[in-house]
PDB file of N, CA and C in Angstrom:
ATOM      1  N   MET A   1      65.015 -41.911 183.714  1.00  0.00           N
ATOM      2  CA  MET A   1      63.039 -41.584 184.272  1.00  0.00           C
ATOM      3  C   MET A   1      62.462 -42.960 184.332  1.00  0.00           C
ATOM      4  N   PRO A   2      62.572 -42.487 185.731  1.00  0.00           N
ATOM      5  CA  PRO A   2      61.657 -43.450 186.782  1.00  0.00           C
ATOM      6  C   PRO A   2      60.178 -44.238 185.911  1.00  0.00           C
ATOM      7  N   LEU A   3      59.744 -44.740 186.463  1.00  0.00           N
ATOM      8  CA  LEU A   3      58.344 -43.920 187.229  1.00  0.00           C
ATOM      9  C   LEU A   3      57.422 -43.830 186.558  1.00  0.00           C
ATOM     10  N   PRO A   4      56.809 -42.898 187.235  1.00  0.00           N
ATOM     11  CA  PRO A   4      56.470 -41.492 187.477  1.00  0.00           C
ATOM     12  C   PRO A   4      56.372 -41.851 188.994  1.00  0.00           C
ATOM     13  N   LYS A   5      56.537 -40.851 190.006  1.00  0.00           N
ATOM     14  CA  LYS A   5      55.615 -41.494 191.073  1.00  0.00           C
ATOM     15  C   LYS A   5      54.952 -40.505 191.451  1.00  0.00           C
ATOM     16  N   ARG A   6      54.062 -42.279 191.669  1.00  0.00           N
ATOM     17  CA  ARG A   6      52.531 -42.043 192.339  1.00  0.00           C
ATOM     18  C   ARG A   6      52.584 -41.008 193.125  1.00  0.00           C
ATOM     19  N   SER A   7      51.210 -40.485 193.543  1.00  0.00           N
ATOM     20  CA  SER A   7      49.984 -40.168 193.803  1.00  0.00           C
ATOM     21  C   SER A   7      49.259 -41.034 194.651  1.00  0.00           C
ATOM     22  N   SER A   8      48.349 -39.799 194.426  1.00  0.00           N
ATOM     23  CA  SER A   8      47.028 -41.290 194.918  1.00  0.00           C
ATOM     24  C   SER A   8      46.456 -42.258 194.279  1.00  0.00           C
ATOM     25  N   ARG A   9      47.485 -41.721 193.136  1.00  0.00           N
ATOM     26  CA  ARG A   9      47.299 -43.218 191.755  1.00  0.00           C
ATOM     27  C   ARG A   9      47.617 -44.262 191.937  1.00  0.00           C
ATOM     28  N   CYS A  10      46.640 -45.263 191.384  1.00  0.00           N
ATOM     29  CA  CYS A  10      47.737 -46.765 191.468  1.00  0.00           C
ATOM     30  C   CYS A  10      48.830 -46.858 190.744  1.00  0.00           C
ATOM     31  N   ALA A  11      49.630 -47.563 190.840  1.00  0.00           N
ATOM     32  CA  ALA A  11      50.986 -48.255 190.249  1.00  0.00           C
ATOM     33  C   ALA A  11      50.310 -48.614 188.157  1.00  0.00           C
ATOM     34  N   PHE A  12      49.340 -48.816 188.045  1.00  0.00           N
ATOM     35  CA  PHE A  12      49.025 -49.543 186.669  1.00  0.00           C
ATOM     36  C   PHE A  12      49.235 -47.615 185.901  1.00  0.00           C
ATOM     37  N   GLU A  13      48.662 -46.979 186.608  1.00  0.00           N
ATOM     38  CA  GLU A  13      48.378 -45.244 186.063  1.00  0.00           C
ATOM     39  C   GLU A  13      49.963 -45.422 185.406  1.00  0.00           C
ATOM     40  N   SER A  14      50.454 -44.860 186.029  1.00  0.00           N
ATOM     41  CA  SER A  14      51.920 -44.592 186.436  1.00  0.00           C
ATOM     42  C   SER A  14      52.568 -45.984 185.086  1.00  0.00           C
ATOM     43  N   LEU A  15      52.600 -47.055 185.184  1.00  0.00           N
ATOM     44  CA  LEU A  15      53.593 -47.780 183.864  1.00  0.00           C
ATOM     45  C   LEU A  15      52.716 -47.472 182.241  1.00  0.00           C
ATOM     46  N   LEU A  16      50.750 -47.005 182.294  1.00  0.00           N
ATOM     47  CA  LEU A  16      50.571 -46.164 181.652  1.00  0.00           C
ATOM     48  C   LEU A  16      50.885 -45.182 180.789  1.00  0.00           C
ATOM     49  N   THR A  17      51.204 -43.942 181.425  1.00  0.00           N
ATOM     50  CA  THR A  17      52.241 -42.836 181.493  1.00  0.00           C
ATOM     51  C   THR A  17      52.818 -42.735 181.164  1.00  0.00           C
ATOM     52  N   LEU A  18      53.881 -43.828 181.795  1.00  0.00           N
ATOM     53  CA  LEU A  18      55.500 -44.194 180.772  1.00  0.00           C
ATOM     54  C   LEU A  18      55.122 -45.024 179.645  1.00  0.00           C
ATOM     55  N   LEU A  19      54.003 -45.571 179.087  1.00  0.00           N
ATOM     56  CA  LEU A  19      54.096 -46.611 178.096  1.00  0.00           C
ATOM     57  C   LEU A  19      53.479 -45.813 176.919  1.00  0.00           C
ATOM     58  N   THR A  20      52.447 -45.315 177.405  1.00  0.00           N
ATOM     59  CA  THR A  20      51.694 -44.460 176.282  1.00  0.00           C
ATOM     60  C   THR A  20      52.401 -42.962 175.625  1.00  0.00           C
ATOM     61  N   GLY A  21      53.777 -42.539 175.666  1.00  0.00           N
ATOM     62  CA  GLY A  21      53.995 -41.278 175.337  1.00  0.00           C
ATOM     63  C   GLY A  21      54.493 -41.696 173.852  1.00  0.00           C
ATOM     64  N   THR A  22      54.223 -40.917 173.262  1.00  0.00           N
ATOM     65  CA  THR A  22      54.447 -40.948 171.480  1.00  0.00           C
ATOM     66  C   THR A  22      55.115 -41.813 170.678  1.00  0.00           C
ATOM     67  N   TRP A  23      55.306 -42.720 170.275  1.00  0.00           N
ATOM     68  CA  TRP A  23      56.355 -43.895 169.664  1.00  0.00           C
ATOM     69  C   TRP A  23      56.089 -44.873 171.195  1.00  0.00           C
ATOM     70  N   THR A  24      56.773 -44.715 171.934  1.00  0.00           N
ATOM     71  CA  THR A  24      56.659 -45.275 172.664  1.00  0.00           C
ATOM     72  C   THR A  24      56.659 -47.301 172.609  1.00  0.00           C
ATOM     73  N   LEU A  25      55.679 -47.326 172.694  1.00  0.00           N
ATOM     74  CA  LEU A  25      55.556 -48.071 172.678  1.00  0.00           C
ATOM     75  C   LEU A  25      55.873 -49.471 170.717  1.00  0.00           C
ATOM     76  N   TYR A  26      55.831 -48.525 170.284  1.00  0.00           N
ATOM     77  CA  TYR A  26      55.853 -48.716 168.660  1.00  0.00           C
ATOM     78  C   TYR A  26      57.158 -48.769 169.034  1.00  0.00           C
ATOM     79  N   ILE A  27      58.899 -48.770 170.305  1.00  0.00           N
ATOM     80  CA  ILE A  27      60.275 -48.938 169.788  1.00  0.00           C
ATOM     81  C   ILE A  27      60.268 -49.754 170.309  1.00  0.00           C
ATOM     82  N   ILE A  28      59.471 -50.135 171.303  1.00  0.00           N
ATOM     83  CA  ILE A  28      59.309 -51.020 172.500  1.00  0.00           C
ATOM     84  C   ILE A  28      59.280 -52.220 171.411  1.00  0.00           C
ATOM     85  N   TRP A  29      57.379 -51.912 171.090  1.00  0.00           N
ATOM     86  CA  TRP A  29      56.964 -53.705 169.485  1.00  0.00           C
ATOM     87  C   TRP A  29      58.705 -53.808 169.219  1.00  0.00           C
ATOM     88  N   VAL A  30      59.058 -53.154 168.608  1.00  0.00           N
ATOM     89  CA  VAL A  30      60.169 -53.266 167.340  1.00  0.00           C
ATOM     90  C   VAL A  30      61.358 -54.021 167.710  1.00  0.00           C
ATOM     91  N   LEU A  31      62.318 -53.465 168.907  1.00  0.00           N
ATOM     92  CA  LEU A  31      63.130 -53.827 169.923  1.00  0.00           C
ATOM     93  C   LEU A  31      62.303 -55.451 170.339  1.00  0.00           C
ATOM     94  N   VAL A  32      61.241 -55.666 170.731  1.00  0.00           N
ATOM     95  CA  VAL A  32      60.787 -57.288 171.170  1.00  0.00           C
ATOM     96  C   VAL A  32      60.661 -57.871 169.462  1.00  0.00           C
ATOM     97  N   ASN A  33      60.991 -57.667 168.845  1.00  0.00           N
ATOM     98  CA  ASN A  33      61.285 -57.743 167.493  1.00  0.00           C
ATOM     99  C   ASN A  33      61.074 -58.456 166.341  1.00  0.00           C
ATOM    100  N   ASN A  34      63.086 -58.089 167.438  1.00  0.00           N
ATOM    101  CA  ASN A  34      64.331 -57.002 165.940  1.00  0.00           C
ATOM    102  C   ASN A  34      65.017 -57.674 167.579  1.00  0.00           C
ATOM    103  N   GLY A  35      65.703 -58.224 168.864  1.00  0.00           N
ATOM    104  CA  GLY A  35      66.292 -57.757 169.398  1.00  0.00           C
ATOM    105  C   GLY A  35      67.182 -56.538 168.938  1.00  0.00           C
ATOM    106  N   ALA A  36      67.975 -56.651 169.696  1.00  0.00           N
ATOM    107  CA  ALA A  36      69.409 -55.342 169.833  1.00  0.00           C
ATOM    108  C   ALA A  36      69.728 -54.983 168.527  1.00  0.00           C
ATOM    109  N   THR A  37      69.760 -53.789 168.250  1.00  0.00           N
ATOM    110  CA  THR A  37      69.492 -53.121 166.699  1.00  0.00           C
ATOM    111  C   THR A  37      69.839 -51.489 167.421  1.00  0.00           C
ATOM    112  N   ARG A  38      71.033 -51.053 166.172  1.00  0.00           N
ATOM    113  CA  ARG A  38      71.624 -49.571 166.373  1.00  0.00           C
ATOM    114  C   ARG A  38      70.722 -48.837 165.868  1.00  0.00           C
ATOM    115  N   PHE A  39      71.358 -47.303 166.390  1.00  0.00           N
ATOM    116  CA  PHE A  39      69.973 -46.736 166.437  1.00  0.00           C
ATOM    117  C   PHE A  39      69.235 -46.238 164.735  1.00  0.00           C
ATOM    118  N   GLY A  40      70.552 -46.574 163.889  1.00  0.00           N
ATOM    119  CA  GLY A  40      69.770 -46.026 162.344  1.00  0.00           C
ATOM    120  C   GLY A  40      68.900 -46.901 162.590  1.00  0.00           C
ATOM    121  N   GLU A  41      69.310 -48.541 162.507  1.00  0.00           N
ATOM    122  CA  GLU A  41      68.401 -49.252 161.764  1.00  0.00           C
ATOM    123  C   GLU A  41      67.051 -48.883 162.947  1.00  0.00           C
ATOM    124  N   LEU A  42      66.607 -48.681 164.027  1.00  0.00           N
ATOM    125  CA  LEU A  42      65.414 -48.373 164.400  1.00  0.00           C
ATOM    126  C   LEU A  42      64.795 -47.992 164.153  1.00  0.00           C
ATOM    127  N   LYS A  43      65.479 -46.009 163.040  1.00  0.00           N
ATOM    128  CA  LYS A  43      64.512 -45.542 163.118  1.00  0.00           C
ATOM    129  C   LYS A  43      64.503 -45.729 161.888  1.00  0.00           C
ATOM    130  N   ARG A  44      64.697 -46.648 161.109  1.00  0.00           N
ATOM    131  CA  ARG A  44      64.117 -47.139 159.476  1.00  0.00           C
ATOM    132  C   ARG A  44      63.270 -48.107 159.744  1.00  0.00           C
ATOM    133  N   LYS A  45      62.825 -48.407 161.130  1.00  0.00           N
ATOM    134  CA  LYS A  45      62.180 -49.380 161.721  1.00  0.00           C
ATOM    135  C   LYS A  45      60.670 -48.600 161.858  1.00  0.00           C
ATOM    136  N   VAL A  46      60.813 -47.303 162.830  1.00  0.00           N
ATOM    137  CA  VAL A  46      60.065 -46.389 163.319  1.00  0.00           C
ATOM    138  C   VAL A  46      60.158 -45.287 162.294  1.00  0.00           C
ATOM    139  N   GLU A  47      59.209 -46.016 161.089  1.00  0.00           N
ATOM    140  CA  GLU A  47      58.537 -45.280 160.518  1.00  0.00           C
ATOM    141  C   GLU A  47      58.398 -43.984 161.045  1.00  0.00           C
ATOM    142  N   GLY A  48      58.079 -42.546 160.570  1.00  0.00           N
ATOM    143  CA  GLY A  48      58.202 -41.163 159.827  1.00  0.00           C
ATOM    144  C   GLY A  48      59.004 -40.829 161.755  1.00  0.00           C
ATOM    145  N   ILE A  49      59.580 -40.892 162.407  1.00  0.00           N
ATOM    146  CA  ILE A  49      60.006 -40.054 163.377  1.00  0.00           C
ATOM    147  C   ILE A  49      61.339 -40.076 163.363  1.00  0.00           C
ATOM    148  N   SER A  50      60.916 -38.359 164.222  1.00  0.00           N
ATOM    149  CA  SER A  50      62.844 -37.750 163.741  1.00  0.00           C
ATOM    150  C   SER A  50      63.933 -38.715 164.894  1.00  0.00           C
ATOM    151  N   ALA A  51      64.955 -38.034 164.641  1.00  0.00           N
ATOM    152  CA  ALA A  51      66.150 -39.162 165.446  1.00  0.00           C
ATOM    153  C   ALA A  51      66.295 -38.344 166.470  1.00  0.00           C
ATOM    154  N   ARG A  52      65.659 -36.527 166.910  1.00  0.00           N
ATOM    155  CA  ARG A  52      65.143 -36.451 167.607  1.00  0.00           C
ATOM    156  C   ARG A  52      64.332 -36.843 169.459  1.00  0.00           C
ATOM    157  N   VAL A  53      62.878 -37.424 168.557  1.00  0.00           N
ATOM    158  CA  VAL A  53      62.565 -38.236 169.490  1.00  0.00           C
ATOM    159  C   VAL A  53      63.058 -38.911 169.667  1.00  0.00           C
ATOM    160  N   LEU A  54      63.058 -40.252 168.850  1.00  0.00           N
ATOM    161  CA  LEU A  54      63.652 -41.391 168.623  1.00  0.00           C
ATOM    162  C   LEU A  54      64.661 -41.243 169.713  1.00  0.00           C
ATOM    163  N   THR A  55      65.564 -40.126 169.952  1.00  0.00           N
ATOM    164  CA  THR A  55      67.519 -40.281 170.771  1.00  0.00           C
ATOM    165  C   THR A  55      66.066 -39.926 172.437  1.00  0.00           C
ATOM    166  N   ASP A  56      64.954 -39.039 172.089  1.00  0.00           N
ATOM    167  CA  ASP A  56      64.494 -38.917 174.087  1.00  0.00           C
ATOM    168  C   ASP A  56      63.300 -39.946 174.254  1.00  0.00           C
ATOM    169  N   ARG A  57      63.450 -40.470 173.172  1.00  0.00           N
ATOM    170  CA  ARG A  57      62.603 -41.507 174.073  1.00  0.00           C
ATOM    171  C   ARG A  57      62.774 -43.171 174.146  1.00  0.00           C
ATOM    172  N   LEU A  58      64.165 -43.396 173.817  1.00  0.00           N
ATOM    173  CA  LEU A  58      65.073 -43.721 174.040  1.00  0.00           C
ATOM    174  C   LEU A  58      65.976 -43.562 175.268  1.00  0.00           C
ATOM    175  N   ARG A  59      66.047 -42.232 175.952  1.00  0.00           N
ATOM    176  CA  ARG A  59      66.509 -42.227 177.390  1.00  0.00           C
ATOM    177  C   ARG A  59      65.498 -42.217 178.519  1.00  0.00           C
ATOM    178  N   LEU A  60      64.507 -42.281 177.533  1.00  0.00           N
ATOM    179  CA  LEU A  60      63.604 -42.321 178.893  1.00  0.00           C
ATOM    180  C   LEU A  60      62.659 -43.753 179.151  1.00  0.00           C
ATOM    181  N   LEU A  61      63.481 -44.319 177.776  1.00  0.00           N
ATOM    182  CA  LEU A  61      63.110 -45.585 178.193  1.00  0.00           C
ATOM    183  C   LEU A  61      64.325 -46.927 178.824  1.00  0.00           C
ATOM    184  N   GLU A  62      65.766 -45.771 178.803  1.00  0.00           N
ATOM    185  CA  GLU A  62      66.883 -45.851 179.371  1.00  0.00           C
ATOM    186  C   GLU A  62      66.605 -45.872 180.644  1.00  0.00           C
ATOM    187  N   ASP A  63      66.491 -44.543 180.432  1.00  0.00           N
ATOM    188  CA  ASP A  63      65.297 -44.052 182.912  1.00  0.00           C
ATOM    189  C   ASP A  63      64.694 -45.162 183.129  1.00  0.00           C
ATOM    190  N   ALA A  64      63.975 -45.725 183.032  1.00  0.00           N
ATOM    191  CA  ALA A  64      62.998 -46.395 183.190  1.00  0.00           C
ATOM    192  C   ALA A  64      63.400 -47.753 183.787  1.00  0.00           C
ATOM    193  N   ASN A  65      64.952 -48.311 182.890  1.00  0.00           N
ATOM    194  CA  ASN A  65      65.177 -49.635 183.138  1.00  0.00           C
ATOM    195  C   ASN A  65      65.058 -50.508 181.920  1.00  0.00           C
ATOM    196  N   LEU A  66      64.330 -50.077 181.254  1.00  0.00           N
ATOM    197  CA  LEU A  66      63.366 -51.303 179.746  1.00  0.00           C
ATOM    198  C   LEU A  66      63.918 -51.145 179.561  1.00  0.00           C
ATOM    199  N   VAL A  67      65.012 -50.088 178.160  1.00  0.00           N
ATOM    200  CA  VAL A  67      65.780 -50.753 177.418  1.00  0.00           C
ATOM    201  C   VAL A  67      67.499 -50.107 177.258  1.00  0.00           C
ATOM    202  N   TYR A  68      68.825 -51.016 176.902  1.00  0.00           N
ATOM    203  CA  TYR A  68      69.664 -51.029 177.654  1.00  0.00           C
ATOM    204  C   TYR A  68      70.052 -50.513 176.029  1.00  0.00           C
ATOM    205  N   ARG A  69      71.304 -49.069 176.625  1.00  0.00           N
ATOM    206  CA  ARG A  69      72.641 -48.838 175.837  1.00  0.00           C
ATOM    207  C   ARG A  69      73.408 -49.225 175.920  1.00  0.00           C
ATOM    208  N   ASP A  70      73.720 -49.612 175.023  1.00  0.00           N
ATOM    209  CA  ASP A  70      75.426 -50.394 174.318  1.00  0.00           C
ATOM    210  C   ASP A  70      76.467 -49.587 173.428  1.00  0.00           C
ATOM    211  N   TYR A  71      77.148 -48.614 173.989  1.00  0.00           N
ATOM    212  CA  TYR A  71      78.879 -48.237 173.253  1.00  0.00           C
ATOM    213  C   TYR A  71      78.644 -48.585 173.097  1.00  0.00           C
ATOM    214  N   GLN A  72      79.682 -48.578 171.767  1.00  0.00           N
ATOM    215  CA  GLN A  72      80.815 -49.270 171.195  1.00  0.00           C
ATOM    216  C   GLN A  72      82.130 -47.520 170.855  1.00  0.00           C
ATOM    217  N   PRO A  73      83.088 -47.695 171.425  1.00  0.00           N
ATOM    218  CA  PRO A  73      84.303 -46.510 171.139  1.00  0.00           C
ATOM    219  C   PRO A  73      84.606 -46.887 169.856  1.00  0.00           C
ATOM    220  N   THR A  74      83.957 -46.826 168.581  1.00  0.00           N
ATOM    221  CA  THR A  74      84.400 -46.928 167.058  1.00  0.00           C
ATOM    222  C   THR A  74      84.670 -46.412 166.609  1.00  0.00           C
ATOM    223  N   ILE A  75      84.748 -46.184 165.506  1.00  0.00           N
ATOM    224  CA  ILE A  75      84.673 -45.346 164.286  1.00  0.00           C
ATOM    225  C   ILE A  75      84.100 -46.307 162.940  1.00  0.00           C
ATOM    226  N   PRO A  76      83.076 -45.912 162.850  1.00  0.00           N
ATOM    227  CA  PRO A  76      82.277 -44.317 163.534  1.00  0.00           C
ATOM    228  C   PRO A  76      81.680 -45.062 165.492  1.00  0.00           C
ATOM    229  N   PRO A  77      81.187 -44.430 166.218  1.00  0.00           N
ATOM    230  CA  PRO A  77      80.836 -45.225 167.160  1.00  0.00           C
ATOM    231  C   PRO A  77      79.986 -46.036 166.524  1.00  0.00           C
ATOM    232  N   GLN A  78      79.553 -47.169 167.842  1.00  0.00           N
ATOM    233  CA  GLN A  78      78.523 -48.199 167.845  1.00  0.00           C
ATOM    234  C   GLN A  78      77.168 -47.542 168.606  1.00  0.00           C
ATOM    235  N   VAL A  79      76.300 -47.451 168.312  1.00  0.00           N
ATOM    236  CA  VAL A  79      75.428 -47.913 169.642  1.00  0.00           C
ATOM    237  C   VAL A  79      74.033 -48.455 169.709  1.00  0.00           C
ATOM    238  N   THR A  80      74.126 -49.600 170.102  1.00  0.00           N
ATOM    239  CA  THR A  80      73.063 -50.356 170.172  1.00  0.00           C
ATOM    240  C   THR A  80      71.831 -50.582 170.677  1.00  0.00           C
ATOM    241  N   TYR A  81      70.678 -50.602 171.449  1.00  0.00           N
ATOM    242  CA  TYR A  81      69.984 -51.140 171.693  1.00  0.00           C
ATOM    243  C   TYR A  81      69.129 -51.732 172.190  1.00  0.00           C
ATOM    244  N   SER A  82      68.963 -52.890 173.618  1.00  0.00           N
ATOM    245  CA  SER A  82      67.720 -53.845 174.000  1.00  0.00           C
ATOM    246  C   SER A  82      66.623 -53.753 174.807  1.00  0.00           C
ATOM    247  N   LEU A  83      66.500 -54.723 174.719  1.00  0.00           N
ATOM    248  CA  LEU A  83      65.263 -54.876 176.203  1.00  0.00           C
ATOM    249  C   LEU A  83      65.740 -55.544 177.350  1.00  0.00           C
ATOM    250  N   THR A  84      65.745 -55.023 178.405  1.00  0.00           N
ATOM    251  CA  THR A  84      65.740 -55.346 179.459  1.00  0.00           C
ATOM    252  C   THR A  84      65.357 -56.479 179.810  1.00  0.00           C
ATOM    253  N   GLU A  85      65.920 -57.149 180.726  1.00  0.00           N
ATOM    254  CA  GLU A  85      65.283 -58.252 181.878  1.00  0.00           C
ATOM    255  C   GLU A  85      63.436 -57.455 182.374  1.00  0.00           C
ATOM    256  N   ARG A  86      63.850 -56.091 182.157  1.00  0.00           N
ATOM    257  CA  ARG A  86      62.077 -55.620 183.116  1.00  0.00           C
ATOM    258  C   ARG A  86      61.352 -55.919 182.149  1.00  0.00           C
ATOM    259  N   ALA A  87      61.409 -55.114 180.632  1.00  0.00           N
ATOM    260  CA  ALA A  87      61.155 -55.034 180.013  1.00  0.00           C
ATOM    261  C   ALA A  87      60.711 -56.030 179.528  1.00  0.00           C
ATOM    262  N   MET A  88      61.257 -56.991 179.344  1.00  0.00           N
ATOM    263  CA  MET A  88      60.835 -58.481 178.985  1.00  0.00           C
ATOM    264  C   MET A  88      59.163 -59.317 179.565  1.00  0.00           C
ATOM    265  N   ASP A  89      59.098 -58.220 180.762  1.00  0.00           N
ATOM    266  CA  ASP A  89      57.877 -58.685 181.443  1.00  0.00           C
ATOM    267  C   ASP A  89      56.964 -58.059 180.453  1.00  0.00           C
ATOM    268  N   LEU A  90      57.533 -57.351 179.218  1.00  0.00           N
ATOM    269  CA  LEU A  90      55.442 -56.707 178.251  1.00  0.00           C
ATOM    270  C   LEU A  90      55.655 -57.237 177.116  1.00  0.00           C
ATOM    271  N   ILE A  91      56.083 -58.533 177.381  1.00  0.00           N
ATOM    272  CA  ILE A  91      56.753 -59.376 175.894  1.00  0.00           C
ATOM    273  C   ILE A  91      55.187 -60.688 176.407  1.00  0.00           C
ATOM    274  N   GLU A  92      55.002 -60.898 177.094  1.00  0.00           N
ATOM    275  CA  GLU A  92      53.402 -61.416 177.537  1.00  0.00           C
ATOM    276  C   GLU A  92      52.199 -60.568 176.727  1.00  0.00           C
ATOM    277  N   VAL A  93      52.615 -59.332 177.550  1.00  0.00           N
ATOM    278  CA  VAL A  93      51.856 -58.057 176.901  1.00  0.00           C
ATOM    279  C   VAL A  93      51.362 -58.537 175.827  1.00  0.00           C
ATOM    280  N   PHE A  94      52.505 -57.786 175.038  1.00  0.00           N
ATOM    281  CA  PHE A  94      52.526 -58.290 173.538  1.00  0.00           C
ATOM    282  C   PHE A  94      52.368 -59.257 172.347  1.00  0.00           C
ATOM    283  N   ASP A  95      52.209 -60.154 173.255  1.00  0.00           N
ATOM    284  CA  ASP A  95      52.161 -61.426 172.649  1.00  0.00           C
ATOM    285  C   ASP A  95      49.977 -61.801 172.630  1.00  0.00           C
ATOM    286  N   LYS A  96      49.631 -61.214 174.159  1.00  0.00           N
ATOM    287  CA  LYS A  96      47.614 -60.912 174.256  1.00  0.00           C
ATOM    288  C   LYS A  96      47.741 -59.790 172.621  1.00  0.00           C
ATOM    289  N   LEU A  97      48.234 -59.396 173.173  1.00  0.00           N
ATOM    290  CA  LEU A  97      47.451 -57.748 171.544  1.00  0.00           C
ATOM    291  C   LEU A  97      47.554 -58.516 170.284  1.00  0.00           C
ATOM    292  N   GLU A  98      48.860 -59.365 170.515  1.00  0.00           N
ATOM    293  CA  GLU A  98      48.667 -59.392 168.751  1.00  0.00           C
ATOM    294  C   GLU A  98      47.882 -60.266 168.505  1.00  0.00           C
ATOM    295  N   VAL A  99      47.175 -61.117 169.518  1.00  0.00           N
ATOM    296  CA  VAL A  99      46.216 -62.131 169.388  1.00  0.00           C
ATOM    297  C   VAL A  99      44.998 -61.474 169.528  1.00  0.00           C
ATOM    298  N   VAL A 100      44.303 -60.617 170.223  1.00  0.00           N
ATOM    299  CA  VAL A 100      43.741 -59.630 169.192  1.00  0.00           C
ATOM    300  C   VAL A 100      43.489 -58.675 168.078  1.00  0.00           C
ATOM    301  N   ALA A 101      45.000 -58.385 168.864  1.00  0.00           N
ATOM    302  CA  ALA A 101      44.782 -57.557 166.896  1.00  0.00           C
ATOM    303  C   ALA A 101      45.398 -58.624 165.281  1.00  0.00           C
ATOM    304  N   GLN A 102      45.492 -60.095 165.505  1.00  0.00           N
ATOM    305  CA  GLN A 102      44.960 -60.585 163.904  1.00  0.00           C
ATOM    306  C   GLN A 102      43.224 -61.190 164.391  1.00  0.00           C
ATOM    307  N   LYS A 103      42.831 -61.389 165.932  1.00  0.00           N
ATOM    308  CA  LYS A 103      41.362 -61.695 165.474  1.00  0.00           C
ATOM    309  C   LYS A 103      40.431 -60.621 164.900  1.00  0.00           C
ATOM    310  N   TRP A 104      40.662 -58.926 165.288  1.00  0.00           N
ATOM    311  CA  TRP A 104      39.884 -57.835 165.095  1.00  0.00           C
ATOM    312  C   TRP A 104      40.198 -57.976 163.599  1.00  0.00           C
ATOM    313  N   TYR A 105      41.673 -57.897 163.128  1.00  0.00           N
ATOM    314  CA  TYR A 105      41.724 -57.931 161.452  1.00  0.00           C
ATOM    315  C   TYR A 105      40.946 -58.661 160.682  1.00  0.00           C
ATOM    316  N   ALA A 106      41.124 -59.901 161.491  1.00  0.00           N
ATOM    317  CA  ALA A 106      39.966 -61.071 160.543  1.00  0.00           C
ATOM    318  C   ALA A 106      38.805 -61.020 160.712  1.00  0.00           C
ATOM    319  N   GLU A 107      38.210 -60.929 161.184  1.00  0.00           N
ATOM    320  CA  GLU A 107      36.416 -59.899 161.703  1.00  0.00           C
ATOM    321  C   GLU A 107      36.243 -58.893 160.538  1.00  0.00           C
ATOM    322  N   GLU A 108      36.675 -57.504 160.197  1.00  0.00           N
ATOM    323  CA  GLU A 108      36.523 -56.841 159.585  1.00  0.00           C
ATOM    324  C   GLU A 108      37.273 -57.249 158.045  1.00  0.00           C
ATOM    325  N   GLU A 109      38.145 -57.884 158.264  1.00  0.00           N
ATOM    326  CA  GLU A 109      38.229 -58.456 156.700  1.00  0.00           C
ATOM    327  C   GLU A 109      36.693 -59.937 156.367  1.00  0.00           C
ATOM    328  N   SER A 110      36.669 -60.711 156.946  1.00  0.00           N
ATOM    329  CA  SER A 110      35.210 -61.436 156.499  1.00  0.00           C
ATOM    330  C   SER A 110      33.991 -60.090 156.598  1.00  0.00           C
ATOM    331  N   ASN A 111      34.018 -58.972 156.474  1.00  0.00           N
ATOM    332  CA  ASN A 111      32.835 -58.173 156.588  1.00  0.00           C
ATOM    333  C   ASN A 111      32.728 -57.430 155.315  1.00  0.00           C
ATOM    334  N   TYR A 112      33.855 -57.448 154.331  1.00  0.00           N
ATOM    335  CA  TYR A 112      33.747 -57.347 152.814  1.00  0.00           C
ATOM    336  C   TYR A 112      33.725 -58.222 152.016  1.00  0.00           C
TER     337      TYR A 112
END
């Protein structure tokens, strides 16, 4: 699914609708930090997600051209997921969020 169609709302709202789905940002974050990742490993790294939900979220991200699915017809089949060039636009955003997260964490730690 590409970005949801805009009605009278802004493009940012469409992007937020896509990214704020359950587990979506976490999956992207794991791929940002780990690069191309096979399905089973991705499931282990996104603790608590079911295989069905992971599959649904990956399909959604693939349809939005944020994730690339590489299928190799071996026995057993190998499926690897990686970020597309389009998704690379989000890396700067994740880097800035990391700075904020570290700052807030340090502030909370100093309060104890």
